[in-house]
Structure formats: structure tokens, C-alpha cells
Amino acid sequence: MRSTLPLLFTALCAAGFAAPAMAAGNGNASQPGAVIQSVPPPVAQNPSPPPLQLSDQQKAKIKQVLAGKNTEVTFSLKTTKPAQSFNPTIGAKIPTSLKAHALPPPLNQEMPALKEYTYLKFKGQVLIINPMTGKIVDMFPEA
């Protein structure tokens, strides 16, 4: 009895693994235990938010909401001093010593495209930044 028990166990295991393999092999996916393989869609390696096209009215609204936020970069801090010589331009990468802020919820609700971006108030300018790349995608005077 003892010698037949391991053989019986081995036979049951082999049958359990062979049945799904045979079902998948014959191409009939409707059988129980059949395995269907699929390839997921490719994932972008460099994801980026949608292009941002702000109208003058949208920029005015952003200025209005951000006017109450005390987030202007000051150069009195040791961490921001190196950025003092930085001159912002669209497409430029902001210095790593500068930390951008999330746009306030009222703006994100009114302009959903802004959810993907951050901002920085720097030298009298509002900089809209792609947080994935750290590059400036739009800028306009703060006042």
C-alpha cells in the first residue's frame, strides 16, 4: 500500500497538469481550464501630459487664483541662491533647487488639463511646468 500511494499521487498530478496543456493546445478556448494568452498594449516609455494651449482668459484666471498664494521664489534661502541666475524660457528645464507647486483645486476643476502640470512663481513670472520633465511649457507675467 505504501509503495502505490506515491505512484498514485504522481499520476494524479501529471493528469492535472496535462489536461490544461492539452486544452490550450487544441485551440478550443471554450473548454474548462483552457488558457488564453494575450499581449497587453505597449506602455509609453516617455509619458507626457497633453499639450497645453492656454487662452488669455485662462491665463488671467490662473493669475487671479495664484495672486493669493505666497509661493514666489525668494533667493534668501541657501537652496534657491544657485537658481538666481536662471532665466526662464519655454522649453527650459528648471533648476533642481526650485520646487514647483501643484495648481490649486479650483483651477484643476475649471481647467482639467492643468491637473497634469505644476507651477512656479519666479521673478515676476508664472511658470507652468511639466513635472515629468521639469521643463517649462508656458509662462506669463504674474501681474
Protein backbone atom coordinates (compact mmCIF):
# COMPACT_ATOMS: atom_id res chain seq x y z
CA MET A 1 0.00 0.00 0.00
CA ARG A 2 2.79 2.38 0.87
CA SER A 3 4.57 1.93 -2.46
CA THR A 4 1.42 2.54 -4.53
CA LEU A 5 0.48 5.78 -2.76
CA PRO A 6 3.38 7.85 -4.21
CA LEU A 7 2.71 6.42 -7.67
CA LEU A 8 -0.99 7.30 -7.43
CA PHE A 9 -0.15 10.85 -6.28
CA THR A 10 2.32 11.30 -9.16
CA ALA A 11 -0.23 10.07 -11.70
CA LEU A 12 -2.91 12.47 -10.42
CA CYS A 13 -0.50 15.43 -10.53
CA ALA A 14 0.59 14.59 -14.06
CA ALA A 15 -3.03 14.32 -15.20
CA GLY A 16 -3.85 17.64 -13.55
CA PHE A 17 -1.07 19.44 -15.44
CA ALA A 18 -1.62 17.63 -18.73
CA ALA A 19 -5.34 18.44 -19.08
CA PRO A 20 -4.97 22.26 -19.30
CA ALA A 21 -2.00 21.90 -21.62
CA MET A 22 -3.99 19.67 -23.97
CA ALA A 23 -6.97 22.04 -23.84
CA ALA A 24 -4.81 25.01 -24.76
CA GLY A 25 -3.03 23.03 -27.43
CA ASN A 26 -6.13 22.12 -29.41
CA GLY A 27 -7.17 25.77 -29.81
CA ASN A 28 -10.61 25.35 -28.23
CA ALA A 29 -10.79 28.09 -25.58
CA SER A 30 -14.33 27.18 -24.51
CA GLN A 31 -13.17 24.11 -22.59
CA PRO A 32 -12.80 24.46 -18.84
CA GLY A 33 -9.24 25.13 -17.79
CA ALA A 34 -8.20 26.44 -21.21
CA VAL A 35 -5.55 29.14 -21.07
CA ILE A 36 -5.80 32.16 -23.33
CA GLN A 37 -2.66 34.19 -23.75
CA SER A 38 -2.78 37.83 -24.68
CA VAL A 39 -0.21 40.56 -25.10
CA PRO A 40 -1.01 43.81 -23.29
CA PRO A 41 -0.84 47.08 -25.22
CA PRO A 42 2.57 48.75 -25.19
CA VAL A 43 3.23 51.25 -22.43
CA ALA A 44 4.79 54.57 -23.41
CA GLN A 45 8.34 54.85 -22.10
CA ASN A 46 8.30 58.65 -22.03
CA PRO A 47 4.78 59.60 -20.99
CA SER A 48 3.94 63.26 -21.22
CA PRO A 49 0.83 65.27 -20.48
CA PRO A 50 -1.24 66.61 -23.36
CA PRO A 51 0.00 69.83 -24.96
CA LEU A 52 -1.14 72.90 -23.08
CA GLN A 53 -2.77 75.72 -25.04
CA LEU A 54 -3.89 78.39 -22.58
CA SER A 55 -6.03 81.27 -23.78
CA ASP A 56 -5.54 84.81 -22.46
CA GLN A 57 -8.74 84.36 -20.41
CA GLN A 58 -7.39 81.14 -18.83
CA LYS A 59 -4.07 82.83 -18.03
CA ALA A 60 -5.97 85.71 -16.37
CA LYS A 61 -7.89 83.20 -14.24
CA ILE A 62 -4.64 81.45 -13.22
CA LYS A 63 -3.10 84.81 -12.27
CA GLN A 64 -6.18 85.69 -10.22
CA VAL A 65 -6.17 82.41 -8.27
CA LEU A 66 -2.41 82.39 -7.73
CA ALA A 67 -2.35 86.04 -6.58
CA GLY A 68 -3.41 84.89 -3.12
CA LYS A 69 -0.68 82.24 -2.91
CA ASN A 70 2.58 83.24 -1.28
CA THR A 71 4.75 80.89 -3.35
CA GLU A 72 7.12 83.35 -5.06
CA VAL A 73 10.68 82.01 -5.11
CA THR A 74 12.96 84.03 -2.85
CA PHE A 75 16.71 83.94 -3.11
CA SER A 76 17.44 84.43 0.57
CA LEU A 77 17.45 80.67 1.12
CA LYS A 78 20.68 78.77 0.62
CA THR A 79 18.91 76.16 -1.52
CA THR A 80 17.49 78.71 -4.00
CA LYS A 81 20.54 81.01 -4.35
CA PRO A 82 22.05 78.98 -7.22
CA ALA A 83 18.83 79.48 -9.23
CA GLN A 84 19.09 83.28 -9.06
CA SER A 85 20.92 83.43 -12.39
CA PHE A 86 18.34 81.19 -14.12
CA ASN A 87 16.41 82.97 -16.89
CA PRO A 88 13.19 81.10 -17.64
CA THR A 89 12.17 80.37 -21.21
CA ILE A 90 9.63 77.97 -22.67
CA GLY A 91 11.28 74.58 -23.10
CA ALA A 92 13.98 75.27 -20.48
CA LYS A 93 14.41 72.85 -17.60
CA ILE A 94 14.04 74.45 -14.18
CA PRO A 95 16.97 74.09 -11.77
CA THR A 96 16.63 71.17 -9.36
CA SER A 97 16.87 73.55 -6.41
CA LEU A 98 13.47 75.01 -7.36
CA LYS A 99 10.41 73.07 -6.24
CA ALA A 100 7.22 73.52 -8.25
CA HIS A 101 3.79 73.50 -6.62
CA ALA A 102 0.57 71.74 -7.55
CA LEU A 103 -2.03 74.06 -9.03
CA PRO A 104 -4.93 74.83 -6.65
CA PRO A 105 -8.04 72.61 -6.91
CA PRO A 106 -10.34 75.40 -8.22
CA LEU A 107 -8.10 75.73 -11.29
CA ASN A 108 -7.93 71.97 -11.81
CA GLN A 109 -11.71 71.73 -11.67
CA GLU A 110 -12.22 74.58 -14.11
CA MET A 111 -9.39 73.55 -16.45
CA PRO A 112 -8.88 69.76 -16.17
CA ALA A 113 -5.82 69.81 -18.47
CA LEU A 114 -3.93 71.64 -15.70
CA LYS A 115 -4.08 68.58 -13.41
CA GLU A 116 -1.05 67.21 -15.22
CA TYR A 117 1.08 70.33 -14.58
CA THR A 118 2.69 72.23 -11.72
CA TYR A 119 3.58 75.91 -11.36
CA LEU A 120 6.28 78.18 -10.03
CA LYS A 121 6.19 81.92 -9.38
CA PHE A 122 9.65 83.07 -10.35
CA LYS A 123 10.96 86.61 -10.97
CA GLY A 124 7.51 88.07 -11.57
CA GLN A 125 6.50 85.26 -13.95
CA VAL A 126 4.12 82.34 -13.58
CA LEU A 127 5.82 79.24 -14.99
CA ILE A 128 3.69 76.24 -15.94
CA ILE A 129 5.88 73.15 -15.68
CA ASN A 130 5.67 69.57 -16.91
CA PRO A 131 6.51 67.73 -13.67
CA MET A 132 7.76 64.64 -15.52
CA THR A 133 10.49 66.51 -17.35
CA GLY A 134 10.88 69.67 -15.26
CA LYS A 135 10.54 71.75 -18.44
CA ILE A 136 8.59 74.99 -18.75
CA VAL A 137 5.63 74.55 -21.10
CA ASP A 138 4.12 78.01 -20.69
CA MET A 139 4.93 81.26 -18.91
CA PHE A 140 3.31 84.66 -18.49
CA PRO A 141 3.67 87.73 -16.27
CA GLU A 142 2.46 87.28 -12.70
CA ALA A 143 0.70 90.65 -12.55
